[in-house]
Amino acid sequence: MGGQSISKKRVAIKDYVSWFEIPAIDFDQAVSFYNEIFGIEMTQNITDVNAMAFFPVTSGIGGAVISGPGSIPSDKGPLIYLNGGKDLNTILNKVEDAGGRIIMSKTLISEDEGYFAIFIDSQGNKLALHSKN
């Protein structure tokens, strides 16, 4: 009170996302979709309760496709931006053949920030891609 100032030290967080999960009803179809558009082979862990397929990462933020109780695909809610690599069109051009739908083609954010595109995956989830070029 009365003129006393308290200084709060702000701590910057390097990454505000630490993990993501993309819900699926048809687990095999969803895993095939992401394997196809990214040209990867996801490692799977299937239990009595749920099934998960992990995006391969060597560093940085990881995530998985998940199927099980409470994993309900949606085109509403938060939007996850997946790494589109050097040019997101390389991945985006595979979306429709893999069973997805493009709802916004490659669009410039700014010269500094790069490009983004939005798609619906094979399960009905709305996601985005981002790339610098």
Protein backbone atom coordinates (compact mmCIF):
# COMPACT_ATOMS: atom_id res chain seq x y z
CA MET A 1 0.00 0.00 0.00
CA GLY A 2 0.94 3.62 -0.21
CA GLY A 3 3.57 3.87 -2.92
CA GLN A 4 5.36 0.61 -2.27
CA SER A 5 6.20 -1.14 -5.53
CA ILE A 6 6.72 -4.86 -5.77
CA SER A 7 8.69 -6.00 -8.77
CA LYS A 8 7.72 -9.38 -10.19
CA LYS A 9 10.33 -11.25 -12.14
CA ARG A 10 8.86 -12.70 -15.31
CA VAL A 11 10.10 -16.07 -16.38
CA ALA A 12 9.85 -16.77 -20.09
CA ILE A 13 8.77 -20.25 -21.07
CA LYS A 14 10.58 -21.61 -24.12
CA ASP A 15 7.64 -23.59 -25.51
CA TYR A 16 4.06 -23.05 -24.42
CA VAL A 17 3.01 -26.38 -25.87
CA SER A 18 4.65 -29.44 -24.33
CA TRP A 19 2.56 -32.26 -25.82
CA PHE A 20 -0.46 -32.68 -28.09
CA GLU A 21 -2.93 -35.46 -28.78
CA ILE A 22 -5.12 -35.76 -31.86
CA PRO A 23 -8.26 -37.79 -31.11
CA ALA A 24 -9.45 -40.57 -33.42
CA ILE A 25 -12.43 -42.89 -33.62
CA ASP A 26 -10.94 -45.06 -36.41
CA PHE A 27 -7.41 -45.40 -35.04
CA ASP A 28 -5.92 -47.31 -37.98
CA GLN A 29 -7.33 -44.84 -40.50
CA ALA A 30 -6.02 -41.86 -38.51
CA VAL A 31 -2.53 -43.36 -38.16
CA SER A 32 -2.47 -44.14 -41.89
CA PHE A 33 -3.52 -40.56 -42.66
CA TYR A 34 -0.62 -39.00 -40.73
CA ASN A 35 1.89 -41.61 -41.89
CA GLU A 36 0.90 -40.82 -45.47
CA ILE A 37 0.89 -37.02 -45.37
CA PHE A 38 4.15 -36.74 -43.39
CA GLY A 39 5.88 -39.77 -44.92
CA ILE A 40 6.55 -41.28 -41.49
CA GLU A 41 5.97 -44.51 -39.58
CA MET A 42 4.39 -43.86 -36.20
CA THR A 43 5.23 -46.17 -33.28
CA GLN A 44 2.06 -47.56 -31.72
CA ASN A 45 1.15 -48.46 -28.15
CA ILE A 46 -2.17 -50.28 -27.84
CA THR A 47 -3.63 -51.19 -24.44
CA ASP A 48 -7.00 -52.43 -23.21
CA VAL A 49 -7.98 -48.80 -22.51
CA ASN A 50 -6.64 -46.81 -25.47
CA ALA A 51 -4.40 -46.79 -28.50
CA MET A 52 -1.69 -44.23 -29.20
CA ALA A 53 0.58 -43.66 -32.19
CA PHE A 54 3.50 -41.30 -31.60
CA PHE A 55 4.85 -38.71 -34.02
CA PRO A 56 8.59 -39.44 -34.30
CA VAL A 57 10.68 -36.62 -32.78
CA THR A 58 14.32 -36.40 -31.81
CA SER A 59 13.92 -33.14 -29.91
CA GLY A 60 11.27 -30.53 -29.29
CA ILE A 61 7.56 -31.05 -28.83
CA GLY A 62 6.00 -34.45 -29.39
CA GLY A 63 2.47 -35.66 -29.79
CA ALA A 64 0.30 -38.61 -30.67
CA VAL A 65 -2.86 -39.81 -32.31
CA ILE A 66 -5.06 -41.28 -29.56
CA SER A 67 -8.17 -43.42 -29.60
CA GLY A 68 -10.16 -44.47 -26.54
CA PRO A 69 -12.58 -43.11 -23.94
CA GLY A 70 -12.97 -39.34 -24.25
CA SER A 71 -11.03 -39.11 -27.51
CA ILE A 72 -13.60 -37.44 -29.72
CA PRO A 73 -12.54 -35.77 -32.98
CA SER A 74 -13.77 -32.21 -33.48
CA ASP A 75 -13.41 -29.23 -35.77
CA LYS A 76 -14.07 -26.91 -32.82
CA GLY A 77 -11.78 -25.76 -30.03
CA PRO A 78 -8.05 -25.05 -30.03
CA LEU A 79 -6.17 -25.18 -33.31
CA ILE A 80 -2.89 -27.11 -33.34
CA TYR A 81 -0.27 -26.01 -35.87
CA LEU A 82 1.87 -28.89 -37.10
CA ASN A 83 5.30 -28.29 -38.59
CA GLY A 84 4.97 -28.07 -42.36
CA GLY A 85 8.71 -28.48 -42.96
CA LYS A 86 10.46 -26.33 -45.56
CA ASP A 87 7.28 -25.85 -47.64
CA LEU A 88 3.93 -26.87 -46.16
CA ASN A 89 2.53 -27.59 -49.65
CA THR A 90 4.60 -30.81 -49.67
CA ILE A 91 2.38 -32.12 -46.86
CA LEU A 92 -0.81 -30.24 -47.75
CA ASN A 93 -0.83 -31.72 -51.26
CA LYS A 94 -1.21 -35.20 -49.71
CA VAL A 95 -4.15 -34.36 -47.41
CA GLU A 96 -7.03 -35.06 -49.80
CA ASP A 97 -5.56 -38.31 -51.18
CA ALA A 98 -5.12 -39.49 -47.57
CA GLY A 99 -8.80 -38.86 -46.77
CA GLY A 100 -8.71 -35.31 -45.42
CA ARG A 101 -10.03 -31.98 -46.70
CA ILE A 102 -8.26 -28.64 -47.18
CA ILE A 103 -10.26 -25.71 -45.83
CA MET A 104 -7.62 -22.98 -46.27
CA SER A 105 -4.81 -23.30 -48.78
CA LYS A 106 -1.29 -22.04 -48.16
CA THR A 107 -1.61 -18.43 -46.99
CA LEU A 108 1.05 -15.84 -46.19
CA ILE A 109 1.08 -14.63 -42.57
CA SER A 110 3.99 -12.22 -43.14
CA GLU A 111 7.47 -12.34 -44.64
CA ASP A 112 8.94 -12.87 -41.15
CA GLU A 113 6.40 -15.43 -39.90
CA GLY A 114 5.91 -17.50 -43.06
CA TYR A 115 2.81 -19.39 -44.17
CA PHE A 116 -0.04 -21.47 -42.81
CA ALA A 117 -2.83 -23.69 -44.11
CA ILE A 118 -5.80 -25.35 -42.40
CA PHE A 119 -7.19 -28.83 -43.04
CA ILE A 120 -9.63 -31.37 -41.68
CA ASP A 121 -8.00 -34.77 -41.07
CA SER A 122 -9.55 -38.15 -41.85
CA GLN A 123 -11.29 -38.17 -38.44
CA GLY A 124 -12.85 -34.69 -38.65
CA ASN A 125 -10.25 -32.79 -36.58
CA LYS A 126 -9.35 -29.27 -37.71
CA LEU A 127 -5.57 -28.73 -37.75
CA ALA A 128 -3.10 -26.33 -39.34
CA LEU A 129 0.31 -26.50 -40.92
CA HIS A 130 3.02 -23.83 -40.63
CA SER A 131 6.22 -23.28 -42.61
CA LYS A 132 8.63 -20.41 -43.21
CA ASN A 133 8.42 -20.87 -47.02
